[in-house]
Amino acid sequence: MSRSKALAQGAQTLADAGLEDPRSEARLLLGAALGVGLEGLIGAPERALENGQRQHFEALINRRAAREPAAYILGQREFWSLDFTVNGATLIPRPDSETLIEVALDGMSDCDAPHRLLDFGTGSGCLLLALLSELPGACGLGVDISPEALAVAHGNAARLGLGERARFLCGDWGRAVAGSHDLIVANPPYIEDGEMAGLAPEITRFEPASALAGGPDGMACYRALAPDIARLLAPGGLAVIEVGAGQADAEAAVMSAQGLAEKGRRQDLAGVERCLLLQR
C-alpha cells in the first residue's frame, strides 16, 4: 500500500469517527509511524509502506478513532516552543495556558534575577519549566498530588536541561510547602462537576478528572489554594492564576478575601478572560 492510499484510508476512518480535521490528524500519525516529517510525506507519496509500518499506522489510527488524544498517542505536546512528554497522568498543555507565561514574564522586572518560583498542580511541569527556560537565574518548585504526574515532570525537567533548577514535591496544594516565593503560578481544576460529562470524549475518557473537576461550582480548588498563595507569596511578589470562562470575578473575590490584590487580567487568543494577576 502506498503512503497516499494509507493516508486516505486513515483519514476516512477518522472522519467516520467524527474528528473535525481527519486528514491532518491522519498525516500526523502516518509521519509518526514512518518516523518522518511532513516534508518526507509530501516528497514520496507513492512509496510503499512496509508491513510493519502499515500495522503501526493502523494501530495509531484505531487509537485516535477511539478518541484518544493525539498527544497521548505520540507521547508529547509542544508548549511555549518546548516539547513536553505527556501521558494519561497529566493534562495535555493547552495554548490558552501560554497566557500565564506571557503575563508572568511581563510582570518580572529583572528576568536575570534569582527569582523563586512555585507552581501549584504542576502536572507535566509545563508552566514551571517554560518559565525557567526564560528566567535563567530562577529556581522553582512544582507541587502536585499525583506521583505519576511528578514522574513525568521530573523527566521533562531533565530532558529540557532544567533539572538542576527545578524541584518537585508530592503534596496537597501548599500544605507541605514553606518559604517565600517571588512568583506563584497555578492552573487549578475549574470545570463544574455537572459539566464534566458534556466535555469532548478526548477529555472525559482519557485526561485525569482530578485535574479538571473543580467541585459543584468550579471554585473548590481556588478556595483551598487561596490561603496557601497568600501565605507563600513574598511581599511584592506576583501570583498568576488561570481561571475558567466567566469565573474571573468570583475567583478574584476568593483571592481578595485572603488579602491578595488583583493587579490585572489577561484574555487568551479567543478573547476569554484566562488569568488573574495578583499581588500581596
Protein backbone atom coordinates (compact mmCIF):
# COMPACT_ATOMS: atom_id res chain seq x y z
CA MET A 1 0.00 0.00 0.00
CA SER A 2 1.32 3.46 -0.91
CA ARG A 3 1.65 6.26 1.60
CA SER A 4 -1.02 8.26 -0.20
CA LYS A 5 -3.51 5.39 -0.11
CA ALA A 6 -2.77 4.69 3.55
CA LEU A 7 -3.28 8.36 4.31
CA ALA A 8 -6.63 8.40 2.50
CA GLN A 9 -7.84 5.29 4.31
CA GLY A 10 -6.69 6.59 7.68
CA ALA A 11 -8.37 9.93 7.09
CA GLN A 12 -11.62 8.20 6.21
CA THR A 13 -11.51 6.14 9.39
CA LEU A 14 -11.04 9.29 11.45
CA ALA A 15 -13.77 11.10 9.55
CA ASP A 16 -16.15 8.23 10.30
CA ALA A 17 -15.21 8.60 13.98
CA GLY A 18 -16.31 12.24 13.91
CA LEU A 19 -12.97 14.05 14.02
CA GLU A 20 -13.02 17.60 12.67
CA ASP A 21 -9.78 17.56 10.68
CA PRO A 22 -9.24 13.90 9.82
CA ARG A 23 -6.70 14.32 7.03
CA SER A 24 -4.35 16.48 9.09
CA GLU A 25 -4.58 14.07 12.01
CA ALA A 26 -4.02 11.06 9.76
CA ARG A 27 -0.98 12.79 8.25
CA LEU A 28 0.44 13.42 11.71
CA LEU A 29 0.01 9.78 12.68
CA LEU A 30 1.42 8.49 9.40
CA GLY A 31 4.52 10.61 9.92
CA ALA A 32 4.88 9.15 13.42
CA ALA A 33 4.51 5.60 12.13
CA LEU A 34 7.14 6.18 9.45
CA GLY A 35 9.43 8.36 11.55
CA VAL A 36 9.36 11.18 9.02
CA GLY A 37 8.16 14.77 9.00
CA LEU A 38 5.69 16.49 6.70
CA GLU A 39 8.29 17.09 4.02
CA GLY A 40 9.12 13.41 3.96
CA LEU A 41 5.48 12.52 3.40
CA ILE A 42 4.98 15.09 0.68
CA GLY A 43 8.16 14.13 -1.13
CA ALA A 44 7.35 10.45 -1.57
CA PRO A 45 3.57 9.91 -1.59
CA GLU A 46 3.69 6.75 -3.70
CA ARG A 47 6.38 4.98 -1.71
CA ALA A 48 5.05 1.69 -0.38
CA LEU A 49 4.66 1.06 3.32
CA GLU A 50 6.44 -1.91 4.76
CA ASN A 51 4.19 -4.40 6.53
CA GLY A 52 5.32 -3.32 9.99
CA GLN A 53 4.82 0.35 9.12
CA ARG A 54 1.31 -0.30 7.90
CA GLN A 55 0.39 -2.22 11.05
CA HIS A 56 1.84 0.53 13.21
CA PHE A 57 -0.08 3.22 11.35
CA GLU A 58 -3.34 1.29 11.55
CA ALA A 59 -2.86 0.85 15.31
CA LEU A 60 -2.32 4.59 15.75
CA ILE A 61 -5.38 5.38 13.62
CA ASN A 62 -7.53 2.99 15.64
CA ARG A 63 -6.43 4.63 18.89
CA ARG A 64 -7.27 8.07 17.56
CA ALA A 65 -10.60 6.83 16.19
CA ALA A 66 -11.39 5.71 19.74
CA ARG A 67 -10.86 9.41 20.59
CA GLU A 68 -7.57 9.01 22.44
CA PRO A 69 -5.85 12.41 22.14
CA ALA A 70 -3.03 12.57 19.61
CA ALA A 71 -0.74 14.00 22.30
CA TYR A 72 -1.10 10.83 24.35
CA ILE A 73 -0.67 8.62 21.30
CA LEU A 74 2.52 10.41 20.32
CA GLY A 75 3.61 10.91 23.94
CA GLN A 76 4.40 14.58 23.57
CA ARG A 77 2.95 18.05 23.18
CA GLU A 78 4.54 21.40 22.36
CA PHE A 79 4.10 24.24 24.83
CA TRP A 80 5.93 27.57 24.72
CA SER A 81 8.02 26.15 21.84
CA LEU A 82 9.26 23.35 24.10
CA ASP A 83 8.46 19.66 23.68
CA PHE A 84 6.89 18.06 26.76
CA THR A 85 6.34 14.40 27.41
CA VAL A 86 2.72 13.76 28.41
CA ASN A 87 0.67 10.71 29.33
CA GLY A 88 -2.63 9.87 30.97
CA ALA A 89 -1.36 11.05 34.36
CA THR A 90 -1.06 14.63 33.15
CA LEU A 91 -3.28 17.15 31.46
CA ILE A 92 -2.33 17.98 27.90
CA PRO A 93 -0.87 21.52 27.87
CA ARG A 94 -3.16 23.96 26.05
CA PRO A 95 -2.16 27.06 24.10
CA ASP A 96 -4.56 29.07 26.30
CA SER A 97 -2.28 28.42 29.26
CA GLU A 98 0.62 30.13 27.49
CA THR A 99 -1.21 33.32 28.51
CA LEU A 100 0.04 32.70 32.06
CA ILE A 101 3.64 32.61 30.85
CA GLU A 102 3.20 35.89 28.97
CA VAL A 103 1.65 37.62 31.99
CA ALA A 104 4.26 36.29 34.41
CA LEU A 105 7.18 37.38 32.24
CA ASP A 106 5.62 40.80 31.67
CA GLY A 107 5.43 41.23 35.44
CA MET A 108 9.08 40.38 36.13
CA SER A 109 11.21 43.50 36.41
CA ASP A 110 14.52 41.62 36.11
CA CYS A 111 14.47 38.35 34.22
CA ASP A 112 18.05 37.53 35.24
CA ALA A 113 17.45 37.84 39.00
CA PRO A 114 17.45 34.74 41.26
CA HIS A 115 13.66 34.52 41.45
CA ARG A 116 11.98 31.78 43.48
CA LEU A 117 9.08 30.19 41.59
CA LEU A 118 6.25 27.98 42.79
CA ASP A 119 3.87 26.07 40.53
CA PHE A 120 0.77 24.51 42.07
CA GLY A 121 -0.68 21.50 40.25
CA THR A 122 2.39 21.23 38.07
CA GLY A 123 1.30 18.16 36.07
CA SER A 124 3.76 17.80 33.19
CA GLY A 125 5.72 20.74 34.58
CA CYS A 126 4.92 22.85 31.53
CA LEU A 127 4.30 26.15 33.35
CA LEU A 128 7.26 25.92 35.70
CA LEU A 129 9.71 24.69 33.06
CA ALA A 130 8.60 27.22 30.44
CA LEU A 131 9.22 29.98 32.97
CA LEU A 132 12.61 28.59 33.98
CA SER A 133 13.61 28.49 30.32
CA GLU A 134 13.03 32.25 30.17
CA LEU A 135 14.40 33.16 33.62
CA PRO A 136 17.99 31.91 33.70
CA GLY A 137 18.64 32.96 37.29
CA ALA A 138 15.49 31.43 38.73
CA CYS A 139 14.84 28.17 40.50
CA GLY A 140 11.44 26.65 41.11
CA LEU A 141 9.29 24.11 42.91
CA GLY A 142 6.45 22.22 41.26
CA VAL A 143 3.78 20.68 43.52
CA ASP A 144 1.30 18.00 42.52
CA ILE A 145 -0.75 15.44 44.41
CA SER A 146 -0.10 12.77 41.77
CA PRO A 147 3.21 10.84 41.99
CA GLU A 148 2.68 9.67 38.42
CA ALA A 149 2.40 13.23 37.15
CA LEU A 150 5.51 14.24 39.10
CA ALA A 151 7.47 11.44 37.44
CA VAL A 152 6.56 12.97 34.08
CA ALA A 153 7.55 16.45 35.28
CA HIS A 154 10.90 15.14 36.57
CA GLY A 155 11.61 13.60 33.18
CA ASN A 156 10.67 16.76 31.33
CA ALA A 157 12.93 18.87 33.53
CA ALA A 158 15.88 16.58 32.91
CA ARG A 159 15.29 16.33 29.18
CA LEU A 160 15.00 20.11 28.82
CA GLY A 161 18.22 20.68 30.75
CA LEU A 162 16.40 22.34 33.66
CA GLY A 163 16.70 19.58 36.24
CA GLU A 164 19.22 21.42 38.41
CA ARG A 165 16.88 24.40 38.84
CA ALA A 166 13.57 22.55 39.22
CA ARG A 167 12.40 20.57 42.25
CA PHE A 168 9.16 18.68 42.61
CA LEU A 169 7.09 17.82 45.66
CA CYS A 170 4.15 15.48 46.09
CA GLY A 171 1.58 17.29 48.19
CA ASP A 172 -1.91 18.70 48.57
CA TRP A 173 -1.53 22.27 47.36
CA GLY A 174 0.68 24.20 49.81
CA ARG A 175 0.32 22.08 52.94
CA ALA A 176 3.89 20.77 52.73
CA VAL A 177 5.41 23.96 51.29
CA ALA A 178 7.25 26.62 53.27
CA GLY A 179 9.27 29.70 52.47
CA SER A 180 8.69 32.78 50.39
CA HIS A 181 8.26 32.83 46.63
CA ASP A 182 8.56 35.70 44.18
CA LEU A 183 6.25 34.20 41.56
CA ILE A 184 3.45 31.69 42.04
CA VAL A 185 1.60 30.18 39.09
CA ALA A 186 -1.30 27.75 39.11
CA ASN A 187 -3.81 26.20 36.76
CA PRO A 188 -6.28 24.63 39.22
CA PRO A 189 -9.22 22.44 38.22
CA TYR A 190 -12.13 24.76 37.46
CA ILE A 191 -14.73 22.81 35.49
CA GLU A 192 -18.03 22.46 37.33
CA ASP A 193 -18.74 18.84 38.23
CA GLY A 194 -22.06 18.94 36.39
CA GLU A 195 -20.34 19.95 33.15
CA MET A 196 -17.76 17.18 33.10
CA ALA A 197 -19.94 14.64 31.29
CA GLY A 198 -20.58 17.07 28.43
CA LEU A 199 -16.92 17.53 27.54
CA ALA A 200 -15.31 16.02 24.46
CA PRO A 201 -14.60 12.27 24.65
CA GLU A 202 -10.88 13.01 24.41
CA ILE A 203 -11.17 14.72 27.78
CA THR A 204 -13.74 12.59 29.62
CA ARG A 205 -12.24 9.25 28.59
CA PHE A 206 -8.54 9.97 28.80
CA GLU A 207 -7.48 13.08 30.74
CA PRO A 208 -7.27 12.86 34.56
CA ALA A 209 -10.57 14.01 36.04
CA SER A 210 -8.83 15.07 39.25
CA ALA A 211 -7.01 17.76 37.28
CA LEU A 212 -10.21 19.06 35.70
CA ALA A 213 -13.18 18.86 38.09
CA GLY A 214 -13.45 21.87 40.40
CA GLY A 215 -16.45 20.94 42.53
CA PRO A 216 -20.12 21.86 42.15
CA ASP A 217 -19.39 25.47 41.21
CA GLY A 218 -15.86 25.02 39.85
CA MET A 219 -14.42 27.01 42.75
CA ALA A 220 -13.41 24.35 45.28
CA CYS A 221 -9.71 24.30 44.42
CA TYR A 222 -9.46 28.10 44.43
CA ARG A 223 -10.89 28.22 47.94
CA ALA A 224 -8.38 25.61 49.07
CA LEU A 225 -5.47 27.26 47.30
CA ALA A 226 -6.03 30.94 48.16
CA PRO A 227 -4.72 30.77 51.75
CA ASP A 228 -1.59 28.97 50.57
CA ILE A 229 -0.90 31.59 47.92
CA ALA A 230 -1.34 34.38 50.46
CA ARG A 231 0.99 32.64 52.93
CA LEU A 232 3.72 31.71 50.46
CA LEU A 233 3.83 34.76 48.19
CA ALA A 234 6.65 37.17 49.02
CA PRO A 235 5.72 40.80 49.72
CA GLY A 236 5.57 42.47 46.33
CA GLY A 237 5.58 39.08 44.64
CA LEU A 238 3.23 38.08 41.84
CA ALA A 239 0.72 35.27 41.50
CA VAL A 240 -0.66 34.36 38.09
CA ILE A 241 -3.68 32.07 38.22
CA GLU A 242 -5.59 30.53 35.33
CA VAL A 243 -9.38 30.87 35.52
CA GLY A 244 -12.28 29.34 33.66
CA ALA A 245 -14.51 31.21 31.26
CA GLY A 246 -16.82 33.54 33.16
CA GLN A 247 -15.23 32.77 36.53
CA ALA A 248 -12.75 35.64 36.87
CA ASP A 249 -14.92 37.85 39.11
CA ALA A 250 -15.79 35.05 41.53
CA GLU A 251 -12.22 33.77 41.71
CA ALA A 252 -10.83 37.28 42.21
CA ALA A 253 -13.20 37.65 45.17
CA VAL A 254 -11.89 34.41 46.71
CA MET A 255 -8.33 35.68 46.40
CA SER A 256 -9.21 39.14 47.71
CA ALA A 257 -10.67 37.61 50.85
CA GLN A 258 -7.19 36.31 51.62
CA GLY A 259 -5.54 39.71 51.17
CA LEU A 260 -4.42 39.22 47.58
CA ALA A 261 -4.98 42.33 45.46
CA GLU A 262 -5.96 41.98 41.84
CA LYS A 263 -3.46 43.75 39.59
CA GLY A 264 -4.92 42.81 36.24
CA ARG A 265 -6.46 40.22 33.97
CA ARG A 266 -5.42 38.85 30.62
CA GLN A 267 -7.51 37.39 27.84
CA ASP A 268 -6.42 34.43 25.76
CA LEU A 269 -6.37 34.45 21.96
CA ALA A 270 -10.10 33.69 21.89
CA GLY A 271 -10.88 36.79 23.93
CA VAL A 272 -11.74 34.84 27.10
CA GLU A 273 -10.50 36.19 30.43
CA ARG A 274 -7.96 33.47 31.12
CA CYS A 275 -5.85 34.56 34.07
CA LEU A 276 -5.65 36.81 37.10
CA LEU A 277 -2.57 38.73 38.17
CA LEU A 278 -2.43 39.06 41.95
CA GLN A 279 -0.09 40.70 44.43
CA ARG A 280 0.32 40.88 48.20
